[in-house]
Amino acid sequence: NSVKKVYDNPWIEVTHREVTTPTGTPGVYGLVHFKNLAIGIVPVDEQGNTWLVGQYRYTIGQYSWEIPEGGCLIGKEEPLEAAQRELKEETGIEAKQWEKILDFHTSNSVTDEAGMIYLAQDLTMGTADPEDTEELRVKKLPLAEAVQMVLDGKITDAMTVMALLRVERML
């Protein structure tokens, strides 16, 4: 068994691994290690509205509607603090009530990326302050309409799909 680093940047590290499979035969894995915990937030107001963030995603070559999402630097920031920061940065929203609703792995066949999703309620509106690398559009809509976008295939981001379906079941 051997591990060879083939790529590294501030967000990910990619390694090629020669392994022994569970059945004892030789095999290979390409592992993408994420240096951040994935964080997602579903803000819901008293009227049952939520907010989606739209942006062009280079990796898939198309525009994507998503819940507010970001990263938490592992060991440097608490996940709830990261969630609060990301919600404020991307939408301008602050929330008094927070509940962690999901832990997940994004694609455990090729990456070790893990994350968590929060439900944010008792909201106060402010001004968004996105990172300079982001060109975001923010859309307020009924939660039921966002869930329908998932069911219609208009939302394909995995975190958003699982988060909206989970919140719909909860509320």
C-alpha atoms as a PDB file:
ATOM      1  CA  ASN A   1       0.000   0.000   0.000  1.00  0.00           C
ATOM      2  CA  SER A   2       1.317   3.444  -0.948  1.00  0.00           C
ATOM      3  CA  VAL A   3       0.107   7.049  -1.061  1.00  0.00           C
ATOM      4  CA  LYS A   4       1.332   9.627  -3.608  1.00  0.00           C
ATOM      5  CA  LYS A   5       0.221  13.278  -3.453  1.00  0.00           C
ATOM      6  CA  VAL A   6      -0.635  14.416  -6.994  1.00  0.00           C
ATOM      7  CA  TYR A   7      -2.198  17.834  -6.317  1.00  0.00           C
ATOM      8  CA  ASP A   8      -2.547  20.296  -3.440  1.00  0.00           C
ATOM      9  CA  ASN A   9      -4.101  23.751  -3.007  1.00  0.00           C
ATOM     10  CA  PRO A  10      -5.569  25.665  -0.023  1.00  0.00           C
ATOM     11  CA  TRP A  11      -8.913  23.785  -0.314  1.00  0.00           C
ATOM     12  CA  ILE A  12      -8.162  20.236  -1.461  1.00  0.00           C
ATOM     13  CA  GLU A  13      -5.443  17.611  -1.696  1.00  0.00           C
ATOM     14  CA  VAL A  14      -5.591  14.782  -4.245  1.00  0.00           C
ATOM     15  CA  THR A  15      -3.732  11.537  -3.644  1.00  0.00           C
ATOM     16  CA  HIS A  16      -3.250   8.367  -5.682  1.00  0.00           C
ATOM     17  CA  ARG A  17      -3.385   5.299  -3.454  1.00  0.00           C
ATOM     18  CA  GLU A  18      -2.287   1.759  -4.214  1.00  0.00           C
ATOM     19  CA  VAL A  19      -4.436  -0.375  -1.894  1.00  0.00           C
ATOM     20  CA  THR A  20      -5.453  -3.886  -1.039  1.00  0.00           C
ATOM     21  CA  THR A  21      -9.196  -4.324  -1.531  1.00  0.00           C
ATOM     22  CA  PRO A  22     -11.423  -5.973   1.095  1.00  0.00           C
ATOM     23  CA  THR A  23     -11.199  -9.190  -0.961  1.00  0.00           C
ATOM     24  CA  GLY A  24      -7.364  -9.115  -0.867  1.00  0.00           C
ATOM     25  CA  THR A  25      -6.745  -8.045  -4.473  1.00  0.00           C
ATOM     26  CA  PRO A  26      -4.663  -5.013  -5.501  1.00  0.00           C
ATOM     27  CA  GLY A  27      -6.545  -1.832  -6.316  1.00  0.00           C
ATOM     28  CA  VAL A  28      -6.237   1.945  -6.691  1.00  0.00           C
ATOM     29  CA  TYR A  29      -8.061   4.911  -5.243  1.00  0.00           C
ATOM     30  CA  GLY A  30      -7.932   8.545  -6.225  1.00  0.00           C
ATOM     31  CA  LEU A  31      -8.876  10.382  -3.030  1.00  0.00           C
ATOM     32  CA  VAL A  32      -9.899  14.026  -2.900  1.00  0.00           C
ATOM     33  CA  HIS A  33      -9.317  15.292   0.653  1.00  0.00           C
ATOM     34  CA  PHE A  34     -11.172  18.456   1.603  1.00  0.00           C
ATOM     35  CA  LYS A  35      -9.546  20.862   4.062  1.00  0.00           C
ATOM     36  CA  ASN A  36     -12.876  22.438   4.972  1.00  0.00           C
ATOM     37  CA  LEU A  37     -16.110  21.098   6.405  1.00  0.00           C
ATOM     38  CA  ALA A  38     -19.019  21.833   4.043  1.00  0.00           C
ATOM     39  CA  ILE A  39     -21.684  24.015   5.655  1.00  0.00           C
ATOM     40  CA  GLY A  40     -25.220  24.636   4.394  1.00  0.00           C
ATOM     41  CA  ILE A  41     -28.003  26.771   5.821  1.00  0.00           C
ATOM     42  CA  VAL A  42     -31.756  26.741   5.187  1.00  0.00           C
ATOM     43  CA  PRO A  43     -33.173  30.050   6.418  1.00  0.00           C
ATOM     44  CA  VAL A  44     -36.949  29.940   6.955  1.00  0.00           C
ATOM     45  CA  ASP A  45     -39.063  32.904   8.044  1.00  0.00           C
ATOM     46  CA  GLU A  46     -42.388  32.960   9.918  1.00  0.00           C
ATOM     47  CA  GLN A  47     -44.325  32.943   6.621  1.00  0.00           C
ATOM     48  CA  GLY A  48     -42.591  29.773   5.371  1.00  0.00           C
ATOM     49  CA  ASN A  49     -40.254  31.512   2.916  1.00  0.00           C
ATOM     50  CA  THR A  50     -36.643  30.553   2.293  1.00  0.00           C
ATOM     51  CA  TRP A  51     -33.748  32.042   0.344  1.00  0.00           C
ATOM     52  CA  LEU A  52     -31.713  30.488  -2.450  1.00  0.00           C
ATOM     53  CA  VAL A  53     -28.393  31.710  -3.787  1.00  0.00           C
ATOM     54  CA  GLY A  54     -27.740  31.491  -7.515  1.00  0.00           C
ATOM     55  CA  GLN A  55     -24.339  31.419  -9.127  1.00  0.00           C
ATOM     56  CA  TYR A  56     -22.465  30.023 -12.094  1.00  0.00           C
ATOM     57  CA  ARG A  57     -20.558  26.873 -11.112  1.00  0.00           C
ATOM     58  CA  TYR A  58     -17.412  26.406 -13.179  1.00  0.00           C
ATOM     59  CA  THR A  59     -17.131  22.705 -12.278  1.00  0.00           C
ATOM     60  CA  ILE A  60     -20.430  21.799 -13.941  1.00  0.00           C
ATOM     61  CA  GLY A  61     -20.463  24.597 -16.527  1.00  0.00           C
ATOM     62  CA  GLN A  62     -23.884  25.909 -15.581  1.00  0.00           C
ATOM     63  CA  TYR A  63     -25.869  28.178 -13.312  1.00  0.00           C
ATOM     64  CA  SER A  64     -26.997  26.640 -10.022  1.00  0.00           C
ATOM     65  CA  TRP A  65     -29.613  27.580  -7.396  1.00  0.00           C
ATOM     66  CA  GLU A  66     -28.509  26.506  -3.929  1.00  0.00           C
ATOM     67  CA  ILE A  67     -29.080  27.090  -0.251  1.00  0.00           C
ATOM     68  CA  PRO A  68     -26.478  29.433   1.282  1.00  0.00           C
ATOM     69  CA  GLU A  69     -23.330  27.304   1.501  1.00  0.00           C
ATOM     70  CA  GLY A  70     -19.698  27.634   2.438  1.00  0.00           C
ATOM     71  CA  GLY A  71     -16.793  26.112   4.245  1.00  0.00           C
ATOM     72  CA  CYS A  72     -15.591  25.816   7.802  1.00  0.00           C
ATOM     73  CA  LEU A  73     -11.826  25.572   8.201  1.00  0.00           C
ATOM     74  CA  ILE A  74     -11.436  22.380  10.236  1.00  0.00           C
ATOM     75  CA  GLY A  75      -9.914  23.076  13.632  1.00  0.00           C
ATOM     76  CA  LYS A  76      -9.910  26.853  13.124  1.00  0.00           C
ATOM     77  CA  GLU A  77     -13.617  27.724  13.330  1.00  0.00           C
ATOM     78  CA  GLU A  78     -16.722  26.236  14.909  1.00  0.00           C
ATOM     79  CA  PRO A  79     -19.300  24.952  12.377  1.00  0.00           C
ATOM     80  CA  LEU A  80     -22.125  27.088  13.803  1.00  0.00           C
ATOM     81  CA  GLU A  81     -19.952  30.212  13.581  1.00  0.00           C
ATOM     82  CA  ALA A  82     -19.152  29.342   9.958  1.00  0.00           C
ATOM     83  CA  ALA A  83     -22.870  28.854   9.225  1.00  0.00           C
ATOM     84  CA  GLN A  84     -23.732  32.219  10.773  1.00  0.00           C
ATOM     85  CA  ARG A  85     -20.933  33.929   8.796  1.00  0.00           C
ATOM     86  CA  GLU A  86     -21.902  32.312   5.492  1.00  0.00           C
ATOM     87  CA  LEU A  87     -25.613  33.155   5.856  1.00  0.00           C
ATOM     88  CA  LYS A  88     -24.802  36.817   6.585  1.00  0.00           C
ATOM     89  CA  GLU A  89     -22.182  37.074   3.815  1.00  0.00           C
ATOM     90  CA  GLU A  90     -24.314  35.505   1.092  1.00  0.00           C
ATOM     91  CA  THR A  91     -27.800  36.812   1.954  1.00  0.00           C
ATOM     92  CA  GLY A  92     -27.456  39.532   4.609  1.00  0.00           C
ATOM     93  CA  ILE A  93     -29.655  37.439   6.929  1.00  0.00           C
ATOM     94  CA  GLU A  94     -28.949  36.898  10.618  1.00  0.00           C
ATOM     95  CA  ALA A  95     -30.887  34.382  12.702  1.00  0.00           C
ATOM     96  CA  LYS A  96     -31.563  34.072  16.419  1.00  0.00           C
ATOM     97  CA  GLN A  97     -32.551  30.381  16.297  1.00  0.00           C
ATOM     98  CA  TRP A  98     -30.189  27.717  14.911  1.00  0.00           C
ATOM     99  CA  GLU A  99     -30.571  23.943  14.745  1.00  0.00           C
ATOM    100  CA  LYS A 100     -28.193  21.425  13.175  1.00  0.00           C
ATOM    101  CA  ILE A 101     -30.404  19.142  11.074  1.00  0.00           C
ATOM    102  CA  LEU A 102     -28.039  16.970   8.999  1.00  0.00           C
ATOM    103  CA  ASP A 103     -24.555  15.488   8.914  1.00  0.00           C
ATOM    104  CA  PHE A 104     -23.499  14.130   5.517  1.00  0.00           C
ATOM    105  CA  HIS A 105     -20.727  12.981   3.157  1.00  0.00           C
ATOM    106  CA  THR A 106     -20.889  14.532  -0.312  1.00  0.00           C
ATOM    107  CA  SER A 107     -19.536  11.712  -2.492  1.00  0.00           C
ATOM    108  CA  ASN A 108     -17.884   9.077  -0.341  1.00  0.00           C
ATOM    109  CA  SER A 109     -16.630   6.967  -3.243  1.00  0.00           C
ATOM    110  CA  VAL A 110     -14.009   9.571  -4.238  1.00  0.00           C
ATOM    111  CA  THR A 111     -13.804  12.139  -1.439  1.00  0.00           C
ATOM    112  CA  ASP A 112     -13.697  12.344   2.339  1.00  0.00           C
ATOM    113  CA  GLU A 113     -15.656  15.624   2.315  1.00  0.00           C
ATOM    114  CA  ALA A 114     -18.121  15.835   5.182  1.00  0.00           C
ATOM    115  CA  GLY A 115     -20.533  18.545   6.134  1.00  0.00           C
ATOM    116  CA  MET A 116     -23.497  19.679   8.119  1.00  0.00           C
ATOM    117  CA  ILE A 117     -26.654  21.612   7.458  1.00  0.00           C
ATOM    118  CA  TYR A 118     -28.415  24.048   9.761  1.00  0.00           C
ATOM    119  CA  LEU A 119     -31.971  25.341   9.905  1.00  0.00           C
ATOM    120  CA  ALA A 120     -31.958  29.081  10.690  1.00  0.00           C
ATOM    121  CA  GLN A 121     -35.102  30.770  12.010  1.00  0.00           C
ATOM    122  CA  ASP A 122     -36.187  34.012  13.714  1.00  0.00           C
ATOM    123  CA  LEU A 123     -34.542  35.999  10.939  1.00  0.00           C
ATOM    124  CA  THR A 124     -33.381  39.610  10.659  1.00  0.00           C
ATOM    125  CA  MET A 125     -32.637  41.084   7.244  1.00  0.00           C
ATOM    126  CA  GLY A 126     -29.405  42.978   6.553  1.00  0.00           C
ATOM    127  CA  THR A 127     -27.021  43.566   3.670  1.00  0.00           C
ATOM    128  CA  ALA A 128     -25.149  40.766   1.927  1.00  0.00           C
ATOM    129  CA  ASP A 129     -21.353  40.952   1.693  1.00  0.00           C
ATOM    130  CA  PRO A 130     -20.210  38.148  -0.647  1.00  0.00           C
ATOM    131  CA  GLU A 131     -16.554  37.237  -1.159  1.00  0.00           C
ATOM    132  CA  ASP A 132     -14.902  39.027  -4.093  1.00  0.00           C
ATOM    133  CA  THR A 133     -14.740  35.732  -6.007  1.00  0.00           C
ATOM    134  CA  GLU A 134     -18.523  35.303  -5.882  1.00  0.00           C
ATOM    135  CA  GLU A 135     -21.161  36.884  -8.125  1.00  0.00           C
ATOM    136  CA  LEU A 136     -24.349  35.842  -6.384  1.00  0.00           C
ATOM    137  CA  ARG A 137     -28.064  36.341  -6.940  1.00  0.00           C
ATOM    138  CA  VAL A 138     -30.340  35.890  -3.945  1.00  0.00           C
ATOM    139  CA  LYS A 139     -33.962  34.786  -4.352  1.00  0.00           C
ATOM    140  CA  LYS A 140     -36.667  34.704  -1.667  1.00  0.00           C
ATOM    141  CA  LEU A 141     -39.416  32.154  -2.313  1.00  0.00           C
ATOM    142  CA  PRO A 142     -41.838  29.894  -0.438  1.00  0.00           C
ATOM    143  CA  LEU A 143     -40.143  26.766   0.941  1.00  0.00           C
ATOM    144  CA  ALA A 144     -42.727  24.652  -0.923  1.00  0.00           C
ATOM    145  CA  GLU A 145     -41.668  26.272  -4.217  1.00  0.00           C
ATOM    146  CA  ALA A 146     -37.987  25.540  -3.508  1.00  0.00           C
ATOM    147  CA  VAL A 147     -38.862  21.898  -2.769  1.00  0.00           C
ATOM    148  CA  GLN A 148     -40.804  21.754  -6.046  1.00  0.00           C
ATOM    149  CA  MET A 149     -37.674  23.008  -7.850  1.00  0.00           C
ATOM    150  CA  VAL A 150     -35.873  19.963  -6.398  1.00  0.00           C
ATOM    151  CA  LEU A 151     -38.645  17.608  -7.511  1.00  0.00           C
ATOM    152  CA  ASP A 152     -38.676  19.181 -10.999  1.00  0.00           C
ATOM    153  CA  GLY A 153     -34.905  18.734 -11.377  1.00  0.00           C
ATOM    154  CA  LYS A 154     -34.245  22.500 -11.415  1.00  0.00           C
ATOM    155  CA  ILE A 155     -32.058  22.167  -8.315  1.00  0.00           C
ATOM    156  CA  THR A 156     -29.340  19.510  -8.554  1.00  0.00           C
ATOM    157  CA  ASP A 157     -26.829  20.589  -5.892  1.00  0.00           C
ATOM    158  CA  ALA A 158     -26.655  17.626  -3.467  1.00  0.00           C
ATOM    159  CA  MET A 159     -26.495  19.731  -0.287  1.00  0.00           C
ATOM    160  CA  THR A 160     -29.487  21.771  -1.381  1.00  0.00           C
ATOM    161  CA  VAL A 161     -31.546  18.729  -2.351  1.00  0.00           C
ATOM    162  CA  MET A 162     -31.002  16.958   0.976  1.00  0.00           C
ATOM    163  CA  ALA A 163     -31.413  20.136   3.023  1.00  0.00           C
ATOM    164  CA  LEU A 164     -34.700  21.255   1.455  1.00  0.00           C
ATOM    165  CA  LEU A 165     -36.235  17.775   1.618  1.00  0.00           C
ATOM    166  CA  ARG A 166     -35.171  17.445   5.279  1.00  0.00           C
ATOM    167  CA  VAL A 167     -36.594  20.850   6.248  1.00  0.00           C
ATOM    168  CA  GLU A 168     -39.840  20.130   4.414  1.00  0.00           C
ATOM    169  CA  ARG A 169     -40.240  16.967   6.537  1.00  0.00           C
ATOM    170  CA  MET A 170     -39.447  18.855   9.741  1.00  0.00           C
ATOM    171  CA  LEU A 171     -41.749  21.863   9.331  1.00  0.00           C
END
